[in-house]
Amino acid sequence: MISVIVLTLDEEVRLPACLTALVGQAPHDLIVVDGGSTDRSVEIARAAGARVIVSGPGRAVQANRGAAAAAGDILLFVHADTRLAPGALELVERTLAADPGIVGGSFTLRFDHAGSSLRLFEVFGGLYHRVFKSLYGDRGIFVRRGAFRTLHGFRPLPFMEDYDLGRRLPRLGRVCILRRPVTTSAREFDAQGPFVLGAKLCVCLAGFRVGVAPQRLCRFYYGRHDPGARHGDQSARQGGPGATRPRPHMKGVA
């Protein structure tokens, strides 16, 4: 069984679509981990039949809390502004059952609206994603529970905790990138522009790989924008050692 762990904070507008997309999917354990919403996010999650966990802020913190409470042998982490395609859960189960050597993976990204520049980002970002097997939270991340425990879950980083998990996961087996898309909000790109944000992402990936502190990368990536606007994680970038307080409205790579 899959445990779907939805990370949210102040996402009453987008959370309903995220949860509705799970209706009729393969049997699953649904957990919503809230980082301290002041809107109706928790109420909406409970009305949808989800188990709700109120966590400390920070994507890594929230994800690890959800994983600790999960009943499934497969964990799927989803942002609250991301919608799974029909049959996505069954596809994950089928993929992992067919090949025990696969320890985790993610889906392909599609934006909820996109002009030509965002379509290019989808295409070239997807190519990079498939070639290098990189994991990003906005694409949904699935992982076998045993592998997640072996790696001690997400490290408590204030930024790029998803990419970090994706770099450690291949130690235990293969990573699979499914061609089935998930649909994610393009609001970060709307706020900063796809070319600016894409360039920042490239710098952050390179910086992380050579050891630049995630806190510095977080400040560079978000600038004066709020690191949490994306999937209700206004709290998401407050977690982890040395994390900065959120700035005005923006989202992250995770």
Protein backbone atom coordinates (compact mmCIF):
# COMPACT_ATOMS: atom_id res chain seq x y z
CA MET A 1 0.00 0.00 0.00
CA ILE A 2 1.08 3.56 -0.66
CA SER A 3 1.05 6.28 1.95
CA VAL A 4 0.49 9.65 0.27
CA ILE A 5 2.00 12.43 2.37
CA VAL A 6 0.82 15.92 1.39
CA LEU A 7 2.85 18.87 2.69
CA THR A 8 0.90 22.06 3.17
CA LEU A 9 0.63 25.41 4.83
CA ASP A 10 -2.01 28.05 4.05
CA GLU A 11 -3.11 26.25 0.88
CA GLU A 12 -6.89 26.36 1.14
CA VAL A 13 -7.16 27.40 -2.52
CA ARG A 14 -5.05 24.62 -4.07
CA LEU A 15 -5.31 21.81 -1.54
CA PRO A 16 -8.83 20.70 -2.60
CA ALA A 17 -7.66 19.95 -6.16
CA CYS A 18 -4.66 18.03 -4.83
CA LEU A 19 -6.90 15.85 -2.64
CA THR A 20 -9.63 15.46 -5.26
CA ALA A 21 -7.05 14.04 -7.69
CA LEU A 22 -6.52 11.15 -5.26
CA VAL A 23 -10.19 10.09 -5.29
CA GLY A 24 -10.62 6.79 -7.10
CA GLN A 25 -6.90 6.02 -7.12
CA ALA A 26 -5.46 2.74 -5.85
CA PRO A 27 -6.08 2.13 -2.11
CA HIS A 28 -3.83 4.39 -0.14
CA ASP A 29 -3.14 5.89 3.26
CA LEU A 30 -3.64 9.67 3.06
CA ILE A 31 -1.78 11.96 5.43
CA VAL A 32 -1.72 15.76 5.31
CA VAL A 33 1.11 17.33 7.29
CA ASP A 34 0.41 20.97 8.01
CA GLY A 35 3.13 23.40 9.03
CA GLY A 36 0.85 25.73 10.99
CA SER A 37 -1.81 27.06 8.63
CA THR A 38 -3.89 30.07 9.58
CA ASP A 39 -6.45 29.41 6.84
CA ARG A 40 -8.84 26.45 6.28
CA SER A 41 -6.21 23.96 5.08
CA VAL A 42 -6.56 21.65 8.09
CA GLU A 43 -10.36 21.77 7.92
CA ILE A 44 -10.30 20.93 4.21
CA ALA A 45 -7.90 18.02 4.76
CA ARG A 46 -10.03 16.52 7.51
CA ALA A 47 -13.19 16.90 5.43
CA ALA A 48 -11.47 14.92 2.67
CA GLY A 49 -10.86 12.04 5.08
CA ALA A 50 -7.12 12.59 5.51
CA ARG A 51 -5.24 12.01 8.69
CA VAL A 52 -3.90 15.42 9.69
CA ILE A 53 -0.63 15.98 11.49
CA VAL A 54 0.27 19.47 12.67
CA SER A 55 4.02 19.75 12.44
CA GLY A 56 6.77 22.21 13.07
CA PRO A 57 7.60 24.24 9.96
CA GLY A 58 9.98 23.08 7.26
CA ARG A 59 9.44 20.73 4.31
CA ALA A 60 11.96 18.19 5.61
CA VAL A 61 10.45 18.31 9.09
CA GLN A 62 6.92 17.91 7.74
CA ALA A 63 7.85 15.09 5.39
CA ASN A 64 9.66 13.14 8.10
CA ARG A 65 6.72 13.55 10.49
CA GLY A 66 4.38 12.20 7.85
CA ALA A 67 6.67 9.27 7.07
CA ALA A 68 6.88 8.33 10.74
CA ALA A 69 3.08 8.07 10.91
CA ALA A 70 2.63 6.30 7.57
CA ALA A 71 1.23 2.78 7.30
CA GLY A 72 2.28 2.02 3.73
CA ASP A 73 5.40 0.26 2.50
CA ILE A 74 5.71 2.92 -0.22
CA LEU A 75 5.89 6.62 0.65
CA LEU A 76 4.78 9.28 -1.86
CA PHE A 77 5.50 12.90 -0.96
CA VAL A 78 3.30 15.45 -2.73
CA HIS A 79 3.16 19.24 -2.51
CA ALA A 80 -0.25 20.74 -1.88
CA ASP A 81 -0.19 22.61 -5.20
CA THR A 82 0.49 19.42 -7.18
CA ARG A 83 -2.15 17.16 -8.74
CA LEU A 84 -1.52 13.52 -9.55
CA ALA A 85 -2.80 12.08 -12.82
CA PRO A 86 -5.43 9.31 -12.78
CA GLY A 87 -3.83 5.95 -12.16
CA ALA A 88 -0.61 7.44 -10.77
CA LEU A 89 -0.65 5.44 -7.55
CA GLU A 90 -1.32 2.17 -9.35
CA LEU A 91 1.56 2.94 -11.71
CA VAL A 92 3.95 3.47 -8.80
CA GLU A 93 2.88 0.21 -7.17
CA ARG A 94 3.18 -1.70 -10.44
CA THR A 95 6.61 -0.25 -11.18
CA LEU A 96 8.08 -1.12 -7.80
CA ALA A 97 6.47 -4.56 -7.73
CA ALA A 98 7.93 -5.39 -11.16
CA ASP A 99 11.51 -4.47 -10.23
CA PRO A 100 12.77 -4.88 -6.65
CA GLY A 101 15.95 -3.06 -7.66
CA ILE A 102 14.07 0.25 -7.95
CA VAL A 103 14.10 2.05 -4.61
CA GLY A 104 12.29 5.24 -5.57
CA GLY A 105 11.66 7.89 -8.16
CA SER A 106 9.31 10.60 -9.30
CA PHE A 107 6.96 11.71 -12.07
CA THR A 108 7.37 14.15 -14.95
CA LEU A 109 6.48 17.82 -14.43
CA ARG A 110 3.70 19.70 -16.17
CA PHE A 111 2.66 23.23 -15.18
CA ASP A 112 -0.95 24.16 -14.62
CA HIS A 113 -0.58 26.80 -17.32
CA ALA A 114 2.33 27.47 -19.58
CA GLY A 115 3.41 29.70 -22.42
CA SER A 116 6.19 28.74 -24.79
CA SER A 117 8.96 29.56 -22.28
CA LEU A 118 7.47 27.30 -19.60
CA ARG A 119 6.91 24.53 -22.15
CA LEU A 120 10.62 24.74 -22.96
CA PHE A 121 11.38 24.47 -19.25
CA GLU A 122 9.17 21.37 -19.05
CA VAL A 123 10.95 19.75 -21.98
CA PHE A 124 14.56 20.53 -21.08
CA GLY A 125 13.98 20.20 -17.36
CA GLY A 126 12.37 16.83 -17.99
CA LEU A 127 15.34 15.71 -20.07
CA TYR A 128 17.77 16.69 -17.29
CA HIS A 129 15.50 14.96 -14.80
CA ARG A 130 15.49 11.67 -16.73
CA VAL A 131 19.20 11.68 -17.57
CA PHE A 132 20.50 12.53 -14.10
CA LYS A 133 17.64 10.93 -12.11
CA SER A 134 17.31 14.05 -9.97
CA LEU A 135 14.39 14.23 -7.55
CA TYR A 136 12.38 17.40 -6.93
CA GLY A 137 9.37 17.71 -4.69
CA ASP A 138 7.21 19.49 -7.24
CA ARG A 139 7.27 16.32 -9.35
CA GLY A 140 6.22 14.07 -6.48
CA ILE A 141 8.76 11.75 -4.85
CA PHE A 142 8.07 8.09 -4.12
CA VAL A 143 10.40 5.83 -2.15
CA ARG A 144 10.28 2.41 -0.54
CA ARG A 145 9.75 2.77 3.18
CA GLY A 146 12.75 0.58 4.02
CA ALA A 147 15.08 2.68 1.86
CA PHE A 148 13.75 5.90 3.38
CA ARG A 149 14.45 4.56 6.88
CA THR A 150 17.93 3.38 5.91
CA LEU A 151 18.76 6.91 4.76
CA HIS A 152 17.16 8.39 7.91
CA GLY A 153 14.70 10.32 5.77
CA PHE A 154 15.15 13.89 4.63
CA ARG A 155 18.05 15.75 6.15
CA PRO A 156 16.89 18.87 8.06
CA LEU A 157 17.99 21.33 5.40
CA PRO A 158 16.25 24.68 4.84
CA PHE A 159 16.55 24.27 1.06
CA MET A 160 17.08 21.50 -1.54
CA GLU A 161 16.24 18.70 0.88
CA ASP A 162 14.52 16.87 -1.99
CA TYR A 163 17.55 17.08 -4.27
CA ASP A 164 19.73 15.91 -1.40
CA LEU A 165 17.55 12.83 -0.87
CA GLY A 166 17.74 12.11 -4.59
CA ARG A 167 21.55 12.17 -4.46
CA ARG A 168 21.65 9.69 -1.56
CA LEU A 169 18.97 7.29 -2.79
CA PRO A 170 21.04 5.65 -5.59
CA ARG A 171 23.34 4.20 -2.94
CA LEU A 172 20.57 1.69 -2.24
CA GLY A 173 19.30 0.94 -5.74
CA ARG A 174 17.97 2.43 -8.94
CA VAL A 175 15.87 5.58 -9.28
CA CYS A 176 13.02 5.56 -11.80
CA ILE A 177 11.57 8.62 -13.52
CA LEU A 178 8.03 7.89 -14.68
CA ARG A 179 6.77 9.59 -17.82
CA ARG A 180 3.30 10.03 -16.30
CA PRO A 181 3.03 13.77 -15.51
CA VAL A 182 1.92 15.55 -12.38
CA THR A 183 0.47 19.05 -12.70
CA THR A 184 2.04 21.72 -10.51
CA SER A 185 1.37 25.42 -10.00
CA ALA A 186 3.54 27.74 -12.10
CA ARG A 187 3.22 30.63 -9.65
CA GLU A 188 6.93 30.76 -8.80
CA PHE A 189 7.75 31.19 -12.47
CA ASP A 190 4.97 33.74 -12.88
CA ALA A 191 6.49 35.79 -10.05
CA GLN A 192 10.15 35.76 -11.11
CA GLY A 193 10.00 34.69 -14.74
CA PRO A 194 10.99 31.28 -16.13
CA PHE A 195 14.42 32.31 -17.43
CA VAL A 196 15.43 34.07 -14.21
CA LEU A 197 14.20 31.23 -12.03
CA GLY A 198 15.67 28.59 -14.32
CA ALA A 199 19.07 30.29 -14.19
CA LYS A 200 18.88 30.53 -10.41
CA LEU A 201 18.03 26.84 -10.20
CA CYS A 202 21.09 25.93 -12.27
CA VAL A 203 23.31 28.01 -9.97
CA CYS A 204 21.78 26.41 -6.88
CA LEU A 205 22.26 22.89 -8.20
CA ALA A 206 25.91 23.59 -8.97
CA GLY A 207 26.41 25.37 -5.66
CA PHE A 208 24.88 22.57 -3.65
CA ARG A 209 27.09 20.00 -5.35
CA VAL A 210 30.26 21.91 -4.46
CA GLY A 211 29.22 22.45 -0.85
CA VAL A 212 27.70 25.93 -0.71
CA ALA A 213 25.56 26.22 2.43
CA PRO A 214 21.84 25.61 1.72
CA GLN A 215 21.00 28.76 3.69
CA ARG A 216 23.00 30.89 1.23
CA LEU A 217 21.45 29.13 -1.75
CA CYS A 218 17.99 29.71 -0.27
CA ARG A 219 18.60 33.45 0.06
CA PHE A 220 19.97 33.63 -3.48
CA TYR A 221 17.12 31.64 -5.02
CA TYR A 222 14.25 33.46 -3.37
CA GLY A 223 15.72 36.95 -3.25
CA ARG A 224 13.01 39.20 -1.82
CA HIS A 225 10.30 36.65 -2.53
CA ASP A 226 8.66 34.39 0.00
CA PRO A 227 10.17 30.91 -0.08
CA GLY A 228 6.92 29.27 0.81
CA ALA A 229 4.34 30.55 -1.60
CA ARG A 230 4.49 27.54 -3.77
CA HIS A 231 2.78 24.61 -2.15
CA GLY A 232 1.50 26.16 0.98
CA ASP A 233 4.92 25.88 2.50
CA GLN A 234 5.35 29.41 3.72
CA SER A 235 6.70 27.50 6.67
CA ALA A 236 8.65 25.14 4.50
CA ARG A 237 11.80 27.19 4.36
CA GLN A 238 11.90 28.05 8.04
CA GLY A 239 13.00 24.55 9.03
CA GLY A 240 16.52 23.28 9.50
CA PRO A 241 19.60 24.75 11.08
CA GLY A 242 20.19 28.38 10.25
CA ALA A 243 17.09 28.74 8.14
CA THR A 244 15.98 32.26 7.43
CA ARG A 245 12.53 33.66 8.02
CA PRO A 246 10.35 33.75 4.91
CA ARG A 247 10.37 36.80 2.69
CA PRO A 248 7.49 38.16 0.67
CA HIS A 249 5.75 35.66 -1.74
CA MET A 250 7.63 32.96 -3.65
CA LYS A 251 8.24 29.24 -4.04
CA GLY A 252 11.16 26.85 -4.24
CA VAL A 253 12.78 24.09 -6.22
CA ALA A 254 11.56 21.43 -3.90
